[in-house]
Amino acid sequence: MKKKLVKYVKISYLIQTLTLLLYSNFTMAQPIPLNKLIGQFDEKIDSNFVALDSTILPVNKKGMYLQKEPTQQLIKAYQAFKKEHPDIPFIIVSATRNYTYQNSIWQRKWGNLSDKLNDPQQIADEILKYSSMPGTSRHHWGTDIDITSVSSEYFQNDKKGIILYKWLQDNLPKYGFCQAFNEGRHGGYQSEEWHWSYKPIASQYIKQYKAILENEPNIITQMLNFIGHDKIDLERLIKEYVLTVNIECY
């Protein structure tokens, strides 16, 4: 009991210290709760989130949510695009994915790859080419969406995909969105033409995540309990894959 109390007091002290640090670093914004940073919440019962299938946005499945502000801006972008290209698909194929959802993706891919690879680090590296570790995805934040396809082949070689991607590059920044995983980065995820992030809010999330990783990374790592987390270089991977994004998204 005494050991548990000491551990609780230590963690509480660290959180209080970190909160003070974050207040001093981010005077323009309220600190974001840790559970929101790592996706351990239910967006369906959060009053700041809206169901995309209740809007005019085309979706490929029901039950996807996004924060209200990026949803409003995304609707404006969609309407502008359809005026120019009424016959080209602009469909939201992924939005908020909380920890539980991301964990199901991770577990499925880990199970499939463990039959082929014996090294946990190799398995993780293979998954991380396109899928995030639970607790580290930008999709946790309710600010990021995938548009129309999750295949680079579509955006690079399909006529409609080429037109769509060019329009997204030229116009989505006007509505506050940046391409999180672009070409030219050193490390992190491969390029994703489909993944766009609402910078006014997402930049606050990544700055706070970065502050935690630089000062007390254990506050995050101790909250992650997905398969393989204790068999890989967890802290290094979190830093690489959370922080190695398009500099225009900071």
Protein backbone atom coordinates (compact mmCIF):
# COMPACT_ATOMS: atom_id res chain seq x y z
CA MET A 1 0.00 0.00 0.00
CA LYS A 2 2.83 2.37 0.93
CA LYS A 3 4.62 1.72 -2.40
CA LYS A 4 1.41 2.39 -4.35
CA LEU A 5 0.88 5.64 -2.44
CA VAL A 6 4.44 6.80 -3.16
CA LYS A 7 4.00 5.96 -6.85
CA TYR A 8 0.68 7.82 -6.97
CA VAL A 9 2.18 10.90 -5.31
CA LYS A 10 5.13 10.83 -7.71
CA ILE A 11 2.89 10.61 -10.77
CA SER A 12 0.63 13.35 -9.43
CA TYR A 13 3.65 15.59 -8.85
CA LEU A 14 4.92 14.96 -12.37
CA ILE A 15 1.53 15.78 -13.87
CA GLN A 16 1.25 18.98 -11.82
CA THR A 17 4.77 20.01 -12.81
CA LEU A 18 4.07 19.28 -16.47
CA THR A 19 0.79 21.20 -16.34
CA LEU A 20 2.57 24.26 -15.00
CA LEU A 21 5.18 23.93 -17.73
CA LEU A 22 2.52 23.64 -20.40
CA TYR A 23 0.67 26.68 -19.07
CA SER A 24 3.87 28.70 -19.30
CA ASN A 25 4.63 27.45 -22.83
CA PHE A 26 1.11 27.73 -24.21
CA THR A 27 -0.43 30.86 -22.81
CA MET A 28 -2.60 31.16 -25.93
CA ALA A 29 -4.38 27.82 -25.39
CA GLN A 30 -5.77 25.68 -22.61
CA PRO A 31 -3.73 22.55 -21.86
CA ILE A 32 -5.19 19.53 -23.65
CA PRO A 33 -6.10 16.61 -21.35
CA LEU A 34 -3.71 13.69 -21.69
CA ASN A 35 -6.52 11.28 -22.57
CA LYS A 36 -7.41 13.51 -25.55
CA LEU A 37 -3.79 13.59 -26.74
CA ILE A 38 -3.55 9.80 -26.81
CA GLY A 39 -7.10 9.04 -27.90
CA GLN A 40 -8.36 7.43 -24.72
CA PHE A 41 -11.86 8.88 -24.89
CA ASP A 42 -15.12 8.35 -26.76
CA GLU A 43 -15.63 10.98 -29.45
CA LYS A 44 -19.26 9.87 -29.90
CA ILE A 45 -20.23 11.35 -26.54
CA ASP A 46 -17.98 14.41 -26.71
CA SER A 47 -19.99 17.59 -27.27
CA ASN A 48 -17.19 19.14 -29.34
CA PHE A 49 -17.43 16.42 -31.99
CA VAL A 50 -19.95 16.06 -34.80
CA ALA A 51 -21.01 12.98 -36.75
CA LEU A 52 -19.91 13.47 -40.35
CA ASP A 53 -22.84 11.46 -41.70
CA SER A 54 -25.13 14.15 -40.26
CA THR A 55 -23.51 16.72 -42.58
CA ILE A 56 -23.43 17.15 -46.37
CA LEU A 57 -19.97 15.57 -46.52
CA PRO A 58 -19.85 12.26 -48.44
CA VAL A 59 -18.55 9.44 -46.23
CA ASN A 60 -17.74 5.83 -47.03
CA LYS A 61 -19.16 4.57 -43.71
CA LYS A 62 -21.33 5.78 -40.88
CA GLY A 63 -20.10 6.59 -37.39
CA MET A 64 -17.16 8.87 -38.22
CA TYR A 65 -16.68 11.99 -36.12
CA LEU A 66 -14.60 15.16 -36.27
CA GLN A 67 -14.26 18.24 -34.11
CA LYS A 68 -16.78 20.95 -35.01
CA GLU A 69 -14.41 23.63 -36.31
CA PRO A 70 -12.51 21.45 -38.81
CA THR A 71 -15.84 19.97 -39.89
CA GLN A 72 -17.16 23.43 -40.76
CA GLN A 73 -14.04 24.28 -42.73
CA LEU A 74 -14.02 20.91 -44.48
CA ILE A 75 -17.60 21.46 -45.64
CA LYS A 76 -16.59 24.79 -47.19
CA ALA A 77 -13.64 23.14 -48.94
CA TYR A 78 -15.83 20.31 -50.22
CA GLN A 79 -18.40 22.72 -51.62
CA ALA A 80 -15.70 24.72 -53.39
CA PHE A 81 -14.20 21.58 -54.89
CA LYS A 82 -17.53 20.25 -56.17
CA LYS A 83 -18.25 23.54 -57.93
CA GLU A 84 -15.07 23.06 -59.94
CA HIS A 85 -15.10 19.26 -60.25
CA PRO A 86 -18.63 17.88 -59.78
CA ASP A 87 -17.75 14.47 -61.21
CA ILE A 88 -14.61 13.76 -59.18
CA PRO A 89 -15.01 11.92 -55.84
CA PHE A 90 -14.28 13.86 -52.64
CA ILE A 91 -15.15 11.35 -49.92
CA ILE A 92 -14.12 11.18 -46.26
CA VAL A 93 -12.82 7.66 -45.70
CA SER A 94 -11.42 8.13 -42.20
CA ALA A 95 -11.71 10.75 -39.46
CA THR A 96 -11.36 10.44 -35.68
CA ARG A 97 -9.99 7.09 -34.58
CA ASN A 98 -9.72 6.73 -30.82
CA TYR A 99 -7.27 4.52 -28.93
CA THR A 100 -9.56 1.49 -28.94
CA TYR A 101 -10.12 1.71 -32.70
CA GLN A 102 -6.42 2.20 -33.42
CA ASN A 103 -5.56 -0.67 -31.11
CA SER A 104 -7.80 -3.01 -33.11
CA ILE A 105 -5.92 -2.07 -36.29
CA TRP A 106 -2.56 -2.59 -34.58
CA GLN A 107 -3.54 -5.96 -33.11
CA ARG A 108 -4.82 -7.26 -36.44
CA LYS A 109 -1.68 -6.23 -38.32
CA TRP A 110 0.60 -7.51 -35.54
CA GLY A 111 -1.15 -10.89 -35.63
CA ASN A 112 -0.82 -11.15 -39.41
CA LEU A 113 2.87 -10.20 -39.43
CA SER A 114 3.88 -12.32 -36.44
CA ASP A 115 3.35 -15.39 -38.61
CA LYS A 116 6.03 -14.10 -41.00
CA LEU A 117 8.44 -12.16 -38.77
CA ASN A 118 10.00 -13.21 -35.47
CA ASP A 119 11.48 -9.86 -34.42
CA PRO A 120 8.97 -7.55 -32.64
CA GLN A 121 10.88 -4.46 -33.80
CA GLN A 122 10.64 -5.62 -37.41
CA ILE A 123 6.92 -6.19 -37.00
CA ALA A 124 6.45 -2.71 -35.56
CA ASP A 125 8.55 -1.10 -38.31
CA GLU A 126 6.44 -2.82 -40.96
CA ILE A 127 3.15 -1.72 -39.41
CA LEU A 128 4.42 1.82 -38.97
CA LYS A 129 4.87 2.32 -42.68
CA TYR A 130 1.22 3.39 -42.74
CA SER A 131 -0.47 2.62 -39.40
CA SER A 132 0.13 4.31 -36.06
CA MET A 133 0.73 2.80 -32.67
CA PRO A 134 -2.30 3.26 -30.39
CA GLY A 135 -1.88 6.51 -28.50
CA THR A 136 0.26 8.16 -31.19
CA SER A 137 -2.08 8.76 -34.14
CA ARG A 138 -3.06 12.24 -35.29
CA HIS A 139 -6.46 10.71 -35.98
CA HIS A 140 -6.96 10.60 -32.19
CA TRP A 141 -7.29 14.38 -32.15
CA GLY A 142 -10.43 14.89 -34.20
CA THR A 143 -8.54 17.20 -36.55
CA ASP A 144 -7.39 14.83 -39.31
CA ILE A 145 -9.15 13.19 -42.21
CA ASP A 146 -8.31 10.82 -45.07
CA ILE A 147 -9.83 11.81 -48.39
CA THR A 148 -11.19 9.47 -51.11
CA SER A 149 -8.38 6.86 -51.21
CA VAL A 150 -5.53 5.62 -49.03
CA SER A 151 -3.45 4.57 -52.04
CA SER A 152 -0.64 6.71 -53.46
CA GLU A 153 -1.25 4.90 -56.75
CA TYR A 154 -4.63 6.63 -57.04
CA PHE A 155 -3.25 10.14 -56.49
CA GLN A 156 -0.21 9.63 -58.68
CA ASN A 157 -1.58 7.69 -61.64
CA ASP A 158 -5.37 7.93 -61.78
CA LYS A 159 -6.60 10.97 -63.74
CA LYS A 160 -9.24 11.88 -61.16
CA GLY A 161 -6.81 11.29 -58.30
CA ILE A 162 -4.22 13.57 -59.88
CA ILE A 163 -6.78 16.37 -60.27
CA LEU A 164 -8.02 15.90 -56.70
CA TYR A 165 -4.55 15.94 -55.19
CA LYS A 166 -3.53 19.06 -57.12
CA TRP A 167 -6.68 20.82 -55.90
CA LEU A 168 -6.07 19.73 -52.30
CA GLN A 169 -2.49 21.04 -52.41
CA ASP A 170 -3.55 24.36 -53.91
CA ASN A 171 -6.70 24.97 -51.91
CA LEU A 172 -7.02 23.08 -48.62
CA PRO A 173 -4.48 25.39 -46.88
CA LYS A 174 -6.97 28.24 -47.48
CA TYR A 175 -9.34 26.39 -45.14
CA GLY A 176 -6.70 25.67 -42.50
CA PHE A 177 -5.58 22.20 -43.59
CA CYS A 178 -2.03 20.95 -44.18
CA GLN A 179 -0.74 17.65 -45.57
CA ALA A 180 0.73 16.01 -42.48
CA PHE A 181 2.88 13.41 -44.22
CA ASN A 182 4.43 14.96 -47.31
CA GLU A 183 7.52 14.13 -49.32
CA GLY A 184 10.97 15.18 -48.12
CA ARG A 185 10.74 14.26 -44.43
CA HIS A 186 13.50 12.20 -42.84
CA GLY A 187 11.81 9.42 -40.92
CA GLY A 188 8.25 8.85 -39.82
CA TYR A 189 5.43 7.60 -42.01
CA GLN A 190 5.64 7.29 -45.76
CA SER A 191 4.05 10.04 -47.83
CA GLU A 192 0.23 10.14 -47.62
CA GLU A 193 -1.47 12.29 -50.23
CA TRP A 194 -4.84 11.56 -48.64
CA HIS A 195 -4.12 12.61 -45.05
CA TRP A 196 -4.97 16.24 -44.20
CA SER A 197 -4.82 17.93 -40.82
CA TYR A 198 -6.62 21.00 -39.48
CA LYS A 199 -3.63 23.06 -38.40
CA PRO A 200 -5.23 25.68 -36.08
CA ILE A 201 -6.13 22.92 -33.61
CA ALA A 202 -3.73 20.08 -34.50
CA SER A 203 -0.71 22.37 -34.07
CA GLN A 204 -1.70 22.86 -30.43
CA TYR A 205 -1.94 19.10 -29.93
CA ILE A 206 1.47 18.35 -31.43
CA LYS A 207 3.16 21.16 -29.49
CA GLN A 208 1.80 19.82 -26.23
CA TYR A 209 2.70 16.24 -27.18
CA LYS A 210 6.22 17.44 -28.03
CA ALA A 211 6.55 19.22 -24.66
CA ILE A 212 5.64 16.02 -22.82
CA LEU A 213 8.04 13.90 -24.86
CA GLU A 214 10.89 16.35 -24.21
CA ASN A 215 10.27 16.66 -20.47
CA GLU A 216 8.51 13.56 -19.10
CA PRO A 217 7.97 10.94 -21.85
CA ASN A 218 7.05 8.33 -19.25
CA ILE A 219 3.78 10.16 -18.69
CA ILE A 220 2.77 8.95 -22.14
CA THR A 221 4.57 5.61 -22.37
CA GLN A 222 3.08 4.32 -19.12
CA MET A 223 -0.41 4.91 -20.56
CA LEU A 224 0.20 2.68 -23.61
CA ASN A 225 -0.43 -1.03 -23.24
CA PHE A 226 -0.87 -2.40 -26.76
CA ILE A 227 0.58 -5.69 -27.98
CA GLY A 228 4.36 -5.50 -28.36
CA HIS A 229 4.76 -2.17 -26.54
CA ASP A 230 7.21 -3.73 -24.09
CA LYS A 231 9.26 -5.44 -26.81
CA ILE A 232 10.10 -2.43 -28.99
CA ASP A 233 12.00 0.86 -28.61
CA LEU A 234 8.75 2.58 -27.66
CA GLU A 235 9.95 6.05 -26.67
CA ARG A 236 12.13 6.44 -29.77
CA LEU A 237 9.33 5.32 -32.07
CA ILE A 238 6.81 7.66 -30.46
CA LYS A 239 9.12 10.63 -30.91
CA GLU A 240 9.86 9.77 -34.53
CA TYR A 241 6.36 9.02 -35.69
CA VAL A 242 4.51 11.73 -33.76
CA LEU A 243 6.96 14.55 -34.42
CA THR A 244 8.23 13.84 -37.95
CA VAL A 245 5.53 15.64 -39.88
CA ASN A 246 5.31 18.40 -42.46
CA ILE A 247 6.84 21.53 -40.89
CA GLU A 248 3.83 23.47 -42.19
CA CYS A 249 1.66 21.50 -39.77
CA TYR A 250 3.48 22.86 -36.68
